[in-house]
Amino acid sequence: MGTDDKMRNQGQVWKGRAKETAGKLTDNERLERQGRTDQAKGQAKGAMEKLKDAVGSMFGRRLGSGRGRSDYDDRYGGSL
């Protein structure tokens, strides 16, 4: 996972925490709900990036970063 993706996802989680806290302090249920939603979105995106990295490492490359060459390409002169 790229550092910028990590920071963006974590930023969304922190933004959600701030919104949720502000909502609690001001007794604004809508703002609290938005904060919890932002946190969940950031955590879900982070989990998906980790999953992509894990699957990509199983195949020796990062998924979603364009078409890369594989061992198959090198051995047999083409792709699947």
PDB file of N, CA and C in Angstrom:
ATOM      1  N   MET A   1       0.852  -1.157   0.000  1.00  0.00           N
ATOM      2  CA  MET A   1       0.000   0.000   0.000  1.00  0.00           C
ATOM      3  C   MET A   1       0.897   1.217   0.000  1.00  0.00           C
ATOM      4  N   GLY A   2       0.545   2.175  -0.816  1.00  0.00           N
ATOM      5  CA  GLY A   2       1.325   3.391  -0.879  1.00  0.00           C
ATOM      6  C   GLY A   2       1.148   4.241   0.366  1.00  0.00           C
ATOM      7  N   THR A   3       2.183   4.987   0.685  1.00  0.00           N
ATOM      8  CA  THR A   3       2.143   5.839   1.868  1.00  0.00           C
ATOM      9  C   THR A   3       1.036   6.870   1.765  1.00  0.00           C
ATOM     10  N   ASP A   4       0.826   7.411   0.572  1.00  0.00           N
ATOM     11  CA  ASP A   4      -0.237   8.412   0.416  1.00  0.00           C
ATOM     12  C   ASP A   4      -1.616   7.802   0.669  1.00  0.00           C
ATOM     13  N   ASP A   5      -1.820   6.542   0.267  1.00  0.00           N
ATOM     14  CA  ASP A   5      -3.095   5.870   0.541  1.00  0.00           C
ATOM     15  C   ASP A   5      -3.287   5.659   2.042  1.00  0.00           C
ATOM     16  N   LYS A   6      -2.220   5.236   2.705  1.00  0.00           N
ATOM     17  CA  LYS A   6      -2.293   5.036   4.157  1.00  0.00           C
ATOM     18  C   LYS A   6      -2.660   6.334   4.859  1.00  0.00           C
ATOM     19  N   MET A   7      -1.990   7.405   4.486  1.00  0.00           N
ATOM     20  CA  MET A   7      -2.231   8.693   5.126  1.00  0.00           C
ATOM     21  C   MET A   7      -3.641   9.195   4.835  1.00  0.00           C
ATOM     22  N   ARG A   8      -4.104   9.012   3.627  1.00  0.00           N
ATOM     23  CA  ARG A   8      -5.446   9.461   3.255  1.00  0.00           C
ATOM     24  C   ARG A   8      -6.505   8.683   4.050  1.00  0.00           C
ATOM     25  N   ASN A   9      -6.338   7.366   4.142  1.00  0.00           N
ATOM     26  CA  ASN A   9      -7.294   6.544   4.881  1.00  0.00           C
ATOM     27  C   ASN A   9      -7.261   6.869   6.371  1.00  0.00           C
ATOM     28  N   GLN A  10      -6.066   7.005   6.922  1.00  0.00           N
ATOM     29  CA  GLN A  10      -5.950   7.332   8.345  1.00  0.00           C
ATOM     30  C   GLN A  10      -6.494   8.731   8.618  1.00  0.00           C
ATOM     31  N   GLY A  11      -6.284   9.644   7.690  1.00  0.00           N
ATOM     32  CA  GLY A  11      -6.827  10.995   7.822  1.00  0.00           C
ATOM     33  C   GLY A  11      -8.345  10.981   7.884  1.00  0.00           C
ATOM     34  N   GLN A  12      -8.955  10.107   7.097  1.00  0.00           N
ATOM     35  CA  GLN A  12     -10.404  10.006   7.119  1.00  0.00           C
ATOM     36  C   GLN A  12     -10.882   9.461   8.469  1.00  0.00           C
ATOM     37  N   VAL A  13     -10.129   8.516   9.036  1.00  0.00           N
ATOM     38  CA  VAL A  13     -10.477   7.983  10.356  1.00  0.00           C
ATOM     39  C   VAL A  13     -10.372   9.088  11.401  1.00  0.00           C
ATOM     40  N   TRP A  14      -9.283   9.858  11.375  1.00  0.00           N
ATOM     41  CA  TRP A  14      -9.092  10.940  12.350  1.00  0.00           C
ATOM     42  C   TRP A  14     -10.158  12.022  12.190  1.00  0.00           C
ATOM     43  N   LYS A  15     -10.487  12.335  10.941  1.00  0.00           N
ATOM     44  CA  LYS A  15     -11.541  13.317  10.693  1.00  0.00           C
ATOM     45  C   LYS A  15     -12.862  12.825  11.284  1.00  0.00           C
ATOM     46  N   GLY A  16     -13.124  11.546  11.128  1.00  0.00           N
ATOM     47  CA  GLY A  16     -14.337  10.962  11.693  1.00  0.00           C
ATOM     48  C   GLY A  16     -14.352  11.028  13.208  1.00  0.00           C
ATOM     49  N   ARG A  17     -13.199  10.759  13.824  1.00  0.00           N
ATOM     50  CA  ARG A  17     -13.119  10.848  15.288  1.00  0.00           C
ATOM     51  C   ARG A  17     -13.376  12.277  15.757  1.00  0.00           C
ATOM     52  N   ALA A  18     -12.817  13.230  15.034  1.00  0.00           N
ATOM     53  CA  ALA A  18     -13.013  14.635  15.399  1.00  0.00           C
ATOM     54  C   ALA A  18     -14.486  15.020  15.260  1.00  0.00           C
ATOM     55  N   LYS A  19     -15.125  14.590  14.168  1.00  0.00           N
ATOM     56  CA  LYS A  19     -16.539  14.895  13.972  1.00  0.00           C
ATOM     57  C   LYS A  19     -17.393  14.254  15.067  1.00  0.00           C
ATOM     58  N   GLU A  20     -17.088  13.002  15.371  1.00  0.00           N
ATOM     59  CA  GLU A  20     -17.862  12.306  16.399  1.00  0.00           C
ATOM     60  C   GLU A  20     -17.722  13.004  17.751  1.00  0.00           C
ATOM     61  N   THR A  21     -16.501  13.392  18.096  1.00  0.00           N
ATOM     62  CA  THR A  21     -16.267  14.088  19.359  1.00  0.00           C
ATOM     63  C   THR A  21     -16.974  15.438  19.376  1.00  0.00           C
ATOM     64  N   ALA A  22     -16.885  16.166  18.274  1.00  0.00           N
ATOM     65  CA  ALA A  22     -17.565  17.459  18.197  1.00  0.00           C
ATOM     66  C   ALA A  22     -19.070  17.284  18.326  1.00  0.00           C
ATOM     67  N   GLY A  23     -19.592  16.238  17.725  1.00  0.00           N
ATOM     68  CA  GLY A  23     -21.017  15.963  17.824  1.00  0.00           C
ATOM     69  C   GLY A  23     -21.442  15.646  19.246  1.00  0.00           C
ATOM     70  N   LYS A  24     -20.598  14.904  19.966  1.00  0.00           N
ATOM     71  CA  LYS A  24     -20.912  14.592  21.365  1.00  0.00           C
ATOM     72  C   LYS A  24     -20.871  15.848  22.222  1.00  0.00           C
ATOM     73  N   LEU A  25     -19.860  16.692  21.984  1.00  0.00           N
ATOM     74  CA  LEU A  25     -19.724  17.912  22.777  1.00  0.00           C
ATOM     75  C   LEU A  25     -20.871  18.887  22.549  1.00  0.00           C
ATOM     76  N   THR A  26     -21.364  18.932  21.328  1.00  0.00           N
ATOM     77  CA  THR A  26     -22.439  19.881  20.987  1.00  0.00           C
ATOM     78  C   THR A  26     -23.815  19.219  21.012  1.00  0.00           C
ATOM     79  N   ASP A  27     -23.848  17.945  21.384  1.00  0.00           N
ATOM     80  CA  ASP A  27     -25.102  17.178  21.430  1.00  0.00           C
ATOM     81  C   ASP A  27     -25.779  17.160  20.055  1.00  0.00           C
ATOM     82  N   ASN A  28     -24.956  16.968  19.009  1.00  0.00           N
ATOM     83  CA  ASN A  28     -25.438  16.935  17.635  1.00  0.00           C
ATOM     84  C   ASN A  28     -25.322  15.489  17.129  1.00  0.00           C
ATOM     85  N   GLU A  29     -26.444  14.781  17.142  1.00  0.00           N
ATOM     86  CA  GLU A  29     -26.439  13.364  16.763  1.00  0.00           C
ATOM     87  C   GLU A  29     -26.060  13.150  15.300  1.00  0.00           C
ATOM     88  N   ARG A  30     -26.455  14.077  14.453  1.00  0.00           N
ATOM     89  CA  ARG A  30     -26.134  13.955  13.027  1.00  0.00           C
ATOM     90  C   ARG A  30     -24.617  14.011  12.812  1.00  0.00           C
ATOM     91  N   LEU A  31     -23.943  14.924  13.488  1.00  0.00           N
ATOM     92  CA  LEU A  31     -22.495  15.050  13.360  1.00  0.00           C
ATOM     93  C   LEU A  31     -21.790  13.807  13.926  1.00  0.00           C
ATOM     94  N   GLU A  32     -22.294  13.282  15.021  1.00  0.00           N
ATOM     95  CA  GLU A  32     -21.736  12.039  15.585  1.00  0.00           C
ATOM     96  C   GLU A  32     -21.846  10.909  14.575  1.00  0.00           C
ATOM     97  N   ARG A  33     -23.019  10.789  13.964  1.00  0.00           N
ATOM     98  CA  ARG A  33     -23.261   9.732  12.980  1.00  0.00           C
ATOM     99  C   ARG A  33     -22.332   9.881  11.775  1.00  0.00           C
ATOM    100  N   GLN A  34     -22.161  11.119  11.311  1.00  0.00           N
ATOM    101  CA  GLN A  34     -21.239  11.361  10.190  1.00  0.00           C
ATOM    102  C   GLN A  34     -19.820  10.967  10.576  1.00  0.00           C
ATOM    103  N   GLY A  35     -19.440  11.261  11.804  1.00  0.00           N
ATOM    104  CA  GLY A  35     -18.107  10.901  12.273  1.00  0.00           C
ATOM    105  C   GLY A  35     -17.889   9.403  12.291  1.00  0.00           C
ATOM    106  N   ARG A  36     -18.868   8.673  12.779  1.00  0.00           N
ATOM    107  CA  ARG A  36     -18.745   7.211  12.808  1.00  0.00           C
ATOM    108  C   ARG A  36     -18.683   6.654  11.388  1.00  0.00           C
ATOM    109  N   THR A  37     -19.455   7.260  10.478  1.00  0.00           N
ATOM    110  CA  THR A  37     -19.435   6.826   9.074  1.00  0.00           C
ATOM    111  C   THR A  37     -18.075   7.076   8.447  1.00  0.00           C
ATOM    112  N   ASP A  38     -17.501   8.253   8.678  1.00  0.00           N
ATOM    113  CA  ASP A  38     -16.169   8.560   8.143  1.00  0.00           C
ATOM    114  C   ASP A  38     -15.124   7.583   8.681  1.00  0.00           C
ATOM    115  N   GLN A  39     -15.213   7.264   9.962  1.00  0.00           N
ATOM    116  CA  GLN A  39     -14.264   6.319  10.549  1.00  0.00           C
ATOM    117  C   GLN A  39     -14.381   4.943   9.885  1.00  0.00           C
ATOM    118  N   ALA A  40     -15.610   4.488   9.708  1.00  0.00           N
ATOM    119  CA  ALA A  40     -15.830   3.178   9.097  1.00  0.00           C
ATOM    120  C   ALA A  40     -15.316   3.141   7.661  1.00  0.00           C
ATOM    121  N   LYS A  41     -15.544   4.224   6.912  1.00  0.00           N
ATOM    122  CA  LYS A  41     -15.061   4.285   5.527  1.00  0.00           C
ATOM    123  C   LYS A  41     -13.538   4.227   5.477  1.00  0.00           C
ATOM    124  N   GLY A  42     -12.877   4.998   6.330  1.00  0.00           N
ATOM    125  CA  GLY A  42     -11.421   5.006   6.350  1.00  0.00           C
ATOM    126  C   GLY A  42     -10.855   3.648   6.726  1.00  0.00           C
ATOM    127  N   GLN A  43     -11.475   2.996   7.709  1.00  0.00           N
ATOM    128  CA  GLN A  43     -11.010   1.674   8.119  1.00  0.00           C
ATOM    129  C   GLN A  43     -11.247   0.631   7.029  1.00  0.00           C
ATOM    130  N   ALA A  44     -12.382   0.719   6.341  1.00  0.00           N
ATOM    131  CA  ALA A  44     -12.684  -0.228   5.266  1.00  0.00           C
ATOM    132  C   ALA A  44     -11.709  -0.059   4.101  1.00  0.00           C
ATOM    133  N   LYS A  45     -11.415   1.187   3.752  1.00  0.00           N
ATOM    134  CA  LYS A  45     -10.460   1.432   2.667  1.00  0.00           C
ATOM    135  C   LYS A  45      -9.079   0.904   3.038  1.00  0.00           C
ATOM    136  N   GLY A  46      -8.682   1.114   4.280  1.00  0.00           N
ATOM    137  CA  GLY A  46      -7.389   0.603   4.742  1.00  0.00           C
ATOM    138  C   GLY A  46      -7.337  -0.913   4.685  1.00  0.00           C
ATOM    139  N   ALA A  47      -8.427  -1.567   5.070  1.00  0.00           N
ATOM    140  CA  ALA A  47      -8.493  -3.027   5.027  1.00  0.00           C
ATOM    141  C   ALA A  47      -8.409  -3.535   3.588  1.00  0.00           C
ATOM    142  N   MET A  48      -9.073  -2.842   2.665  1.00  0.00           N
ATOM    143  CA  MET A  48      -9.017  -3.263   1.260  1.00  0.00           C
ATOM    144  C   MET A  48      -7.616  -3.112   0.688  1.00  0.00           C
ATOM    145  N   GLU A  49      -6.928  -2.039   1.052  1.00  0.00           N
ATOM    146  CA  GLU A  49      -5.552  -1.847   0.587  1.00  0.00           C
ATOM    147  C   GLU A  49      -4.647  -2.957   1.125  1.00  0.00           C
ATOM    148  N   LYS A  50      -4.829  -3.321   2.386  1.00  0.00           N
ATOM    149  CA  LYS A  50      -4.030  -4.405   2.973  1.00  0.00           C
ATOM    150  C   LYS A  50      -4.324  -5.724   2.280  1.00  0.00           C
ATOM    151  N   LEU A  51      -5.593  -5.966   1.958  1.00  0.00           N
ATOM    152  CA  LEU A  51      -5.969  -7.182   1.250  1.00  0.00           C
ATOM    153  C   LEU A  51      -5.339  -7.218  -0.139  1.00  0.00           C
ATOM    154  N   LYS A  52      -5.390  -6.094  -0.855  1.00  0.00           N
ATOM    155  CA  LYS A  52      -4.768  -6.032  -2.180  1.00  0.00           C
ATOM    156  C   LYS A  52      -3.278  -6.304  -2.092  1.00  0.00           C
ATOM    157  N   ASP A  53      -2.622  -5.741  -1.070  1.00  0.00           N
ATOM    158  CA  ASP A  53      -1.190  -5.967  -0.896  1.00  0.00           C
ATOM    159  C   ASP A  53      -0.895  -7.433  -0.615  1.00  0.00           C
ATOM    160  N   ALA A  54      -1.714  -8.063   0.235  1.00  0.00           N
ATOM    161  CA  ALA A  54      -1.496  -9.466   0.584  1.00  0.00           C
ATOM    162  C   ALA A  54      -1.675 -10.369  -0.626  1.00  0.00           C
ATOM    163  N   VAL A  55      -2.729 -10.139  -1.392  1.00  0.00           N
ATOM    164  CA  VAL A  55      -2.975 -10.948  -2.587  1.00  0.00           C
ATOM    165  C   VAL A  55      -1.870 -10.694  -3.617  1.00  0.00           C
ATOM    166  N   GLY A  56      -1.489  -9.437  -3.765  1.00  0.00           N
ATOM    167  CA  GLY A  56      -0.427  -9.108  -4.715  1.00  0.00           C
ATOM    168  C   GLY A  56       0.896  -9.738  -4.351  1.00  0.00           C
ATOM    169  N   SER A  57       1.201  -9.798  -3.060  1.00  0.00           N
ATOM    170  CA  SER A  57       2.476 -10.392  -2.646  1.00  0.00           C
ATOM    171  C   SER A  57       2.471 -11.898  -2.886  1.00  0.00           C
ATOM    172  N   MET A  58       1.282 -12.507  -2.875  1.00  0.00           N
ATOM    173  CA  MET A  58       1.204 -13.936  -3.181  1.00  0.00           C
ATOM    174  C   MET A  58       1.629 -14.191  -4.621  1.00  0.00           C
ATOM    175  N   PHE A  59       1.374 -13.227  -5.487  1.00  0.00           N
ATOM    176  CA  PHE A  59       1.709 -13.381  -6.895  1.00  0.00           C
ATOM    177  C   PHE A  59       2.943 -12.570  -7.295  1.00  0.00           C
ATOM    178  N   GLY A  60       3.594 -11.974  -6.318  1.00  0.00           N
ATOM    179  CA  GLY A  60       4.833 -11.277  -6.588  1.00  0.00           C
ATOM    180  C   GLY A  60       4.697  -9.896  -7.183  1.00  0.00           C
ATOM    181  N   ARG A  61       3.533  -9.288  -7.072  1.00  0.00           N
ATOM    182  CA  ARG A  61       3.357  -7.936  -7.598  1.00  0.00           C
ATOM    183  C   ARG A  61       2.208  -7.259  -6.871  1.00  0.00           C
ATOM    184  N   ARG A  62       2.127  -5.963  -7.013  1.00  0.00           N
ATOM    185  CA  ARG A  62       1.064  -5.198  -6.378  1.00  0.00           C
ATOM    186  C   ARG A  62      -0.113  -5.107  -7.330  1.00  0.00           C
ATOM    187  N   LEU A  63      -1.299  -5.426  -6.836  1.00  0.00           N
ATOM    188  CA  LEU A  63      -2.494  -5.348  -7.666  1.00  0.00           C
ATOM    189  C   LEU A  63      -2.951  -3.904  -7.797  1.00  0.00           C
ATOM    190  N   GLY A  64      -3.588  -3.602  -8.878  1.00  0.00           N
ATOM    191  CA  GLY A  64      -4.132  -2.270  -9.072  1.00  0.00           C
ATOM    192  C   GLY A  64      -3.104  -1.240  -9.491  1.00  0.00           C
ATOM    193  N   SER A  65      -1.892  -1.661  -9.772  1.00  0.00           N
ATOM    194  CA  SER A  65      -0.860  -0.695 -10.146  1.00  0.00           C
ATOM    195  C   SER A  65      -0.490  -0.841 -11.622  1.00  0.00           C
ATOM    196  N   GLY A  66      -1.439  -1.262 -12.408  1.00  0.00           N
ATOM    197  CA  GLY A  66      -1.164  -1.425 -13.825  1.00  0.00           C
ATOM    198  C   GLY A  66      -0.730  -2.845 -14.126  1.00  0.00           C
ATOM    199  N   ARG A  67      -0.580  -3.148 -15.394  1.00  0.00           N
ATOM    200  CA  ARG A  67      -0.202  -4.497 -15.790  1.00  0.00           C
ATOM    201  C   ARG A  67       1.308  -4.644 -15.702  1.00  0.00           C
ATOM    202  N   GLY A  68       1.725  -5.557 -14.895  1.00  0.00           N
ATOM    203  CA  GLY A  68       3.150  -5.823 -14.756  1.00  0.00           C
ATOM    204  C   GLY A  68       3.505  -7.147 -15.394  1.00  0.00           C
ATOM    205  N   ARG A  69       4.775  -7.376 -15.593  1.00  0.00           N
ATOM    206  CA  ARG A  69       5.217  -8.639 -16.148  1.00  0.00           C
ATOM    207  C   ARG A  69       5.246  -9.688 -15.061  1.00  0.00           C
ATOM    208  N   SER A  70       4.944 -10.908 -15.407  1.00  0.00           N
ATOM    209  CA  SER A  70       4.949 -11.993 -14.444  1.00  0.00           C
ATOM    210  C   SER A  70       6.054 -12.976 -14.800  1.00  0.00           C
ATOM    211  N   ASP A  71       6.245 -13.960 -13.930  1.00  0.00           N
ATOM    212  CA  ASP A  71       7.211 -15.020 -14.214  1.00  0.00           C
ATOM    213  C   ASP A  71       6.798 -15.790 -15.461  1.00  0.00           C
ATOM    214  N   TYR A  72       5.491 -15.941 -15.679  1.00  0.00           N
ATOM    215  CA  TYR A  72       4.996 -16.622 -16.853  1.00  0.00           C
ATOM    216  C   TYR A  72       5.440 -15.904 -18.122  1.00  0.00           C
ATOM    217  N   ASP A  73       5.352 -14.571 -18.114  1.00  0.00           N
ATOM    218  CA  ASP A  73       5.786 -13.780 -19.274  1.00  0.00           C
ATOM    219  C   ASP A  73       7.255 -14.056 -19.587  1.00  0.00           C
ATOM    220  N   ASP A  74       8.079 -14.085 -18.539  1.00  0.00           N
ATOM    221  CA  ASP A  74       9.503 -14.272 -18.727  1.00  0.00           C
ATOM    222  C   ASP A  74       9.840 -15.661 -19.235  1.00  0.00           C
ATOM    223  N   ARG A  75       9.159 -16.662 -18.719  1.00  0.00           N
ATOM    224  CA  ARG A  75       9.470 -18.047 -19.101  1.00  0.00           C
ATOM    225  C   ARG A  75       8.946 -18.410 -20.474  1.00  0.00           C
ATOM    226  N   TYR A  76       7.735 -17.943 -20.803  1.00  0.00           N
ATOM    227  CA  TYR A  76       7.091 -18.432 -22.020  1.00  0.00           C
ATOM    228  C   TYR A  76       6.877 -17.362 -23.081  1.00  0.00           C
ATOM    229  N   GLY A  77       7.336 -16.163 -22.840  1.00  0.00           N
ATOM    230  CA  GLY A  77       7.288 -15.138 -23.859  1.00  0.00           C
ATOM    231  C   GLY A  77       5.915 -14.553 -24.122  1.00  0.00           C
ATOM    232  N   GLY A  78       5.017 -14.665 -23.195  1.00  0.00           N
ATOM    233  CA  GLY A  78       3.678 -14.098 -23.376  1.00  0.00           C
ATOM    234  C   GLY A  78       2.957 -14.069 -22.042  1.00  0.00           C
ATOM    235  N   SER A  79       1.752 -13.604 -22.097  1.00  0.00           N
ATOM    236  CA  SER A  79       0.981 -13.553 -20.858  1.00  0.00           C
ATOM    237  C   SER A  79      -0.220 -14.471 -20.971  1.00  0.00           C
ATOM    238  N   LEU A  80      -0.845 -14.723 -19.832  1.00  0.00           N
ATOM    239  CA  LEU A  80      -2.033 -15.580 -19.800  1.00  0.00           C
ATOM    240  C   LEU A  80      -3.215 -14.909 -20.408  1.00  0.00           C
TER     241      LEU A  80
END
